[in-house]
Structure formats: C-alpha cells, structure tokens
Protein backbone atom coordinates (compact mmCIF):
# COMPACT_ATOMS: atom_id res chain seq x y z
CA UNK A 1 37.17 25.92 10.59
CA UNK A 2 34.56 23.39 9.59
CA UNK A 3 35.66 20.48 7.43
CA UNK A 4 33.66 18.02 5.34
CA UNK A 5 35.07 14.49 4.99
CA UNK A 6 33.65 12.52 2.05
CA UNK A 7 33.63 8.76 2.68
CA UNK A 8 32.51 5.64 0.85
CA UNK A 9 32.15 2.79 3.31
CA UNK A 10 35.40 2.95 5.34
CA UNK A 11 37.45 4.82 2.71
CA UNK A 12 38.07 8.58 2.90
CA UNK A 13 37.79 10.05 -0.60
CA UNK A 14 38.19 13.78 0.00
CA UNK A 15 38.37 16.46 2.69
CA UNK A 16 37.07 19.98 2.03
CA UNK A 17 37.23 22.99 4.36
CA UNK A 18 34.19 25.25 4.52
CA UNK A 19 35.26 28.89 4.64
CA UNK A 20 33.35 31.98 3.54
CA UNK A 21 32.49 30.32 0.23
CA UNK A 22 29.81 27.65 0.19
CA UNK A 23 30.63 24.08 -0.82
CA UNK A 24 28.26 22.60 -3.38
CA UNK A 25 27.75 18.84 -3.63
CA UNK A 26 26.65 16.87 -6.69
CA UNK A 27 27.49 14.84 -9.76
CA UNK A 28 28.51 17.78 -11.95
CA UNK A 29 32.32 18.27 -12.08
CA UNK A 30 32.08 21.95 -11.09
CA UNK A 31 30.87 21.12 -7.57
CA UNK A 32 33.14 21.53 -4.56
CA UNK A 33 32.46 17.90 -3.65
CA UNK A 34 31.89 15.73 -6.73
CA UNK A 35 30.13 12.37 -6.28
CA UNK A 36 30.19 10.51 -9.58
CA UNK A 37 27.11 8.36 -9.18
CA UNK A 38 23.87 8.33 -11.23
CA UNK A 39 21.81 8.36 -8.04
CA UNK A 40 23.22 11.82 -7.18
CA UNK A 41 21.70 14.94 -8.73
CA UNK A 42 23.95 17.22 -10.80
CA UNK A 43 23.56 19.86 -8.09
CA UNK A 44 22.37 17.93 -5.06
CA UNK A 45 23.02 20.09 -1.98
CA UNK A 46 25.24 22.80 -0.49
CA UNK A 47 26.95 23.55 2.83
CA UNK A 48 27.46 27.16 3.87
CA UNK A 49 27.87 29.52 6.81
CA UNK A 50 25.00 31.77 7.89
CA UNK A 51 24.92 33.95 11.02
CA UNK A 52 27.72 31.93 12.60
CA UNK A 53 26.06 28.60 11.92
CA UNK A 54 27.03 25.85 9.51
CA UNK A 55 24.03 25.08 7.32
CA UNK A 56 23.11 22.36 4.83
CA UNK A 57 20.48 22.82 2.12
CA UNK A 58 19.12 20.14 -0.22
CA UNK A 59 18.40 21.45 -3.73
CA UNK A 60 15.21 19.39 -4.09
CA UNK A 61 17.12 16.28 -5.16
CA UNK A 62 15.20 13.19 -6.26
CA UNK A 63 16.87 10.83 -3.77
CA UNK A 64 17.20 13.26 -0.91
CA UNK A 65 19.84 14.29 1.63
CA UNK A 66 19.94 12.70 5.09
CA UNK A 67 21.53 13.97 8.31
CA UNK A 68 22.02 11.30 10.97
CA UNK A 69 19.47 9.13 9.15
CA UNK A 70 16.75 11.80 8.86
CA UNK A 71 15.80 13.31 5.49
CA UNK A 72 16.28 17.10 5.52
CA UNK A 73 15.71 20.15 3.36
CA UNK A 74 17.55 22.75 5.45
CA UNK A 75 19.34 22.05 8.72
CA UNK A 76 22.08 23.32 11.01
CA UNK A 77 25.13 21.06 11.15
CA UNK A 78 27.35 20.35 14.14
CA UNK A 79 30.61 18.43 14.60
CA UNK A 80 30.07 14.70 14.30
CA UNK A 81 26.98 14.95 12.10
CA UNK A 82 26.82 12.40 9.30
CA UNK A 83 25.36 13.53 5.97
CA UNK A 84 24.11 10.69 3.76
CA UNK A 85 23.91 11.25 0.00
CA UNK A 86 23.29 8.07 -1.97
CA UNK A 87 25.71 5.50 -0.60
CA UNK A 88 28.32 8.13 0.31
CA UNK A 89 28.73 9.78 3.70
CA UNK A 90 30.01 13.25 4.52
CA UNK A 91 31.19 13.65 8.12
CA UNK A 92 31.33 17.12 9.67
CA UNK A 93 34.49 17.74 11.72
CA UNK A 94 36.43 20.56 13.37
CA UNK A 95 33.50 22.97 13.40
CA UNK A 96 33.61 26.05 15.62
CA UNK A 97 30.02 27.04 15.13
CA UNK A 98 27.61 26.72 18.03
CA UNK A 99 24.22 25.19 17.44
CA UNK A 100 22.33 27.77 19.42
CA UNK A 101 19.45 28.93 17.23
CA UNK A 102 15.89 28.23 18.31
CA UNK A 103 12.62 28.09 16.42
CA UNK A 104 9.61 29.19 18.47
CA UNK A 105 11.11 27.89 21.70
CA UNK A 106 11.95 24.51 20.24
CA UNK A 107 15.33 24.76 21.97
CA UNK A 108 13.58 24.64 25.32
CA UNK A 109 12.05 21.27 24.52
CA UNK A 110 13.86 18.04 25.34
CA UNK A 111 15.89 16.29 22.70
CA UNK A 112 14.19 13.25 21.25
CA UNK A 113 15.90 9.97 20.44
CA UNK A 114 15.41 8.93 16.84
CA UNK A 115 12.83 6.20 16.35
CA UNK A 116 14.86 4.63 13.53
CA UNK A 117 17.87 3.96 15.73
CA UNK A 118 18.13 0.45 17.13
CA UNK A 119 18.43 0.84 20.90
CA UNK A 120 17.95 -1.74 23.64
CA UNK A 121 15.79 -0.08 26.29
CA UNK A 122 14.75 -1.37 29.70
CA UNK A 123 11.24 -0.62 31.00
CA UNK A 124 12.18 2.66 32.71
CA UNK A 125 14.14 3.96 29.71
CA UNK A 126 11.33 2.99 27.35
CA UNK A 127 8.78 4.99 29.39
CA UNK A 128 11.13 8.00 29.36
CA UNK A 129 11.68 7.61 25.61
CA UNK A 130 7.94 7.64 24.89
CA UNK A 131 7.43 10.58 27.27
CA UNK A 132 10.00 12.63 25.37
CA UNK A 133 8.39 11.78 22.05
CA UNK A 134 5.00 12.91 23.34
CA UNK A 135 6.47 16.12 24.82
CA UNK A 136 7.89 17.22 21.50
CA UNK A 137 4.75 16.22 19.67
CA UNK A 138 6.47 13.93 17.22
CA UNK A 139 4.13 11.52 15.50
CA UNK A 140 5.64 8.12 16.02
CA UNK A 141 4.78 4.60 17.04
CA UNK A 142 7.04 2.05 18.70
CA UNK A 143 8.34 -0.54 16.28
CA UNK A 144 6.44 -3.84 16.33
CA UNK A 145 8.05 -6.90 17.83
CA UNK A 146 8.68 -8.41 14.40
CA UNK A 147 10.23 -6.33 11.68
CA UNK A 148 9.15 -6.70 8.06
CA UNK A 149 12.08 -7.26 5.73
CA UNK A 150 11.71 -6.17 2.10
CA UNK A 151 13.69 -8.49 -0.16
CA UNK A 152 14.53 -8.74 -3.85
CA UNK A 153 14.49 -12.35 -5.08
CA UNK A 154 16.24 -13.03 -8.39
CA UNK A 155 13.91 -15.01 -10.67
CA UNK A 156 15.96 -14.80 -13.88
CA UNK A 157 19.24 -13.22 -14.98
CA UNK A 158 22.85 -13.14 -13.88
CA UNK A 159 23.62 -11.41 -10.56
CA UNK A 160 26.14 -11.89 -7.77
CA UNK A 161 23.49 -13.22 -5.35
CA UNK A 162 20.05 -14.83 -5.43
CA UNK A 163 18.43 -12.59 -2.82
CA UNK A 164 18.99 -9.05 -1.50
CA UNK A 165 17.53 -7.71 1.74
CA UNK A 166 16.86 -3.98 1.33
CA UNK A 167 18.32 -2.18 4.35
CA UNK A 168 19.54 1.08 2.76
CA UNK A 169 17.52 4.11 1.78
CA UNK A 170 18.86 3.75 -1.76
CA UNK A 171 19.24 0.47 -3.65
CA UNK A 172 20.93 0.60 -7.06
CA UNK A 173 20.52 -2.19 -9.62
CA UNK A 174 23.50 -2.21 -11.99
CA UNK A 175 27.12 -3.06 -12.63
CA UNK A 176 28.58 -0.20 -10.58
CA UNK A 177 30.78 -1.03 -7.59
CA UNK A 178 28.28 0.91 -5.48
CA UNK A 179 25.27 -1.10 -6.73
CA UNK A 180 23.45 -3.30 -4.24
CA UNK A 181 22.12 -5.66 -6.90
CA UNK A 182 25.22 -6.29 -9.00
CA UNK A 183 24.54 -7.32 -12.60
CA UNK A 184 26.95 -9.60 -14.44
CA UNK A 185 27.84 -9.13 -18.10
CA UNK A 186 30.10 -6.95 -20.24
CA UNK A 187 27.42 -4.56 -21.48
CA UNK A 188 25.27 -4.18 -18.37
CA UNK A 189 24.67 -0.53 -17.30
CA UNK A 190 26.34 0.88 -14.21
CA UNK A 191 22.94 1.87 -12.85
CA UNK A 192 19.95 0.27 -14.56
CA UNK A 193 17.35 1.29 -11.95
CA UNK A 194 17.09 2.51 -8.38
CA UNK A 195 14.80 1.73 -5.47
CA UNK A 196 14.23 4.34 -2.74
CA UNK A 197 12.91 3.80 0.78
CA UNK A 198 10.80 6.75 1.86
CA UNK A 199 10.16 8.04 5.36
CA UNK A 200 7.01 5.92 5.76
CA UNK A 201 9.07 2.79 4.88
CA UNK A 202 7.40 2.44 1.49
CA UNK A 203 9.61 1.51 -1.49
CA UNK A 204 9.58 3.21 -4.90
CA UNK A 205 11.39 2.07 -8.03
CA UNK A 206 12.51 4.50 -10.71
CA UNK A 207 14.56 4.44 -13.92
CA UNK A 208 18.25 5.24 -14.21
CA UNK A 209 20.12 4.17 -17.37
CA UNK A 210 17.25 1.81 -18.28
CA UNK A 211 13.46 1.90 -18.00
CA UNK A 212 12.33 -0.93 -15.73
CA UNK A 213 9.00 -2.75 -15.97
CA UNK A 214 6.81 -3.65 -13.01
CA UNK A 215 4.44 -6.54 -13.64
CA UNK A 216 5.02 -6.08 -17.37
CA UNK A 217 4.33 -2.32 -17.44
CA UNK A 218 7.25 0.04 -18.25
CA UNK A 219 7.64 2.86 -15.70
CA UNK A 220 9.22 6.23 -16.37
CA UNK A 221 8.67 7.83 -12.95
CA UNK A 222 9.03 6.58 -9.34
CA UNK A 223 6.41 3.88 -8.72
CA UNK A 224 5.46 2.35 -5.38
CA UNK A 225 6.22 -1.34 -4.98
CA UNK A 226 3.95 -3.90 -3.34
CA UNK A 227 4.89 -7.35 -2.11
CA UNK A 228 4.79 -9.79 -5.02
CA UNK A 229 5.60 -7.21 -7.72
CA UNK A 230 7.90 -8.51 -10.44
CA UNK A 231 10.57 -6.11 -11.76
CA UNK A 232 12.27 -6.56 -15.13
CA UNK A 233 15.30 -4.45 -16.04
CA UNK A 234 18.51 -4.96 -18.05
CA UNK A 235 17.78 -8.64 -18.63
CA UNK A 236 17.14 -9.43 -14.96
CA UNK A 237 13.83 -10.41 -13.36
CA UNK A 238 13.37 -9.66 -9.64
CA UNK A 239 10.46 -10.22 -7.27
CA UNK A 240 9.88 -7.66 -4.51
CA UNK A 241 8.81 -9.56 -1.39
CA UNK A 242 8.04 -8.22 2.10
CA UNK A 243 8.63 -10.94 4.69
CA UNK A 244 7.90 -10.99 8.42
C-alpha cells in the first residue's frame, strides 16, 4: 500500500496510508494531511488511486504543488517521489502501483534530466543531455556560466539577519518558525507576506496577514518584483536585489 510521509526539514511529522479513499492535503483541519501554514491553501491538493495508479491533483492553489521540483496540476506518483507544498515535503513510499500509462506515445520517448537539477557533466554527457532535451521537444536553455542570485537586503527593521538569498520557491516574511525572513518583536505576524518564484525564475510578492507596499504602493495581489524594488511590510523595509 502506498504511504505518504509528511516532513519538515529532517523531521517526520506524520505518515498516512493511501487506500481506497483519497487523502486530501491543506490547511483546513478536516484534511487527511493538515499543514498549518498560511502559505498553504485550505484545500491544496489530493492523492488518490485511479486505474491502478497513484495520482496527485493540485486544486488550483495559489502557491502550487511541486513533484521533484517541477510544478504540477495532475501527475502520476511513484515510490521515492518528493511532493513539495510550501516548505513541507511529502515523500511517497511503499507504493505497489506501476507507472505504466502513456500519453500519445510519450512513454516511448527517452527520459529527460531536469534542467533545474545541479549536475556536473563532462563534454560527452552534456551533448547527450542536450540531445535528450531536443528529442522530447522540451523548451530549455543551458544555464549561463554565472547564476543570478536574488537577495533581500534589510534596510530598516528588526530581523534575524541583514540579507537573505532567495533559493526556495516560497519565501515567507514573518515570525513563524517556517519563515525565511524572521521578524523580531512580540506582535509581529506569523506570515506578513510571501514571495513566490515562478517557473520562469521571476519573483512575485503577495500579501498574507499584512498588505505589503512595493516602492510605496500597497499591493493586494501577487506583483512581480524587479531588482531595486523596496518592500515595506510589518515595520520592515527590504530591498529586492538581483546580483550576478
């Protein structure tokens, strides 16, 4: 029987078996897997069996569901897959399903390494990697020699650090233990705002418990950030900088 193991960093929080009944995932307490975090939708996703396969479906959540680092809407799961929801991870184990379905002969095409994975390739392996990408028709470009690093620089306010390099798909600004930018102070919100990295590596900031301002303008919906933008939220002023 398939089993879902909920983890936060290296800690195992819960294990849930997937039988005939689906397992829903979200912030609401009536879910099979409850993740109490403002970045998680009330009903975020579900895992279920269909035609002998273990499936995952995202319910159109704001922050998305990721399988092995790739954002998904509906996907077949296999043992060892890692499902990312916010800063939590759900690992699929002990599954007996076989990932044997095909979509218009896609199964006959070679598997493609993921561009986002950091892999040291020699010249021969690199040629083979690019050949496989072209064979599947995936639109991708090799990463440039120098990687741009988006960073939040603290201009004013009390935080645990002066700078934060954004490496996760979700960055939470708040007092929560799961926040990346940790605010100091008794009355600071657990999640004041959140910054999401999208598939094209653009960054969008959106409100959580507070409405942030970007360059002095309050924002109530996800807004794309540009290098040099100044964010103000919950008494903290941050500059978004993209460095080479």
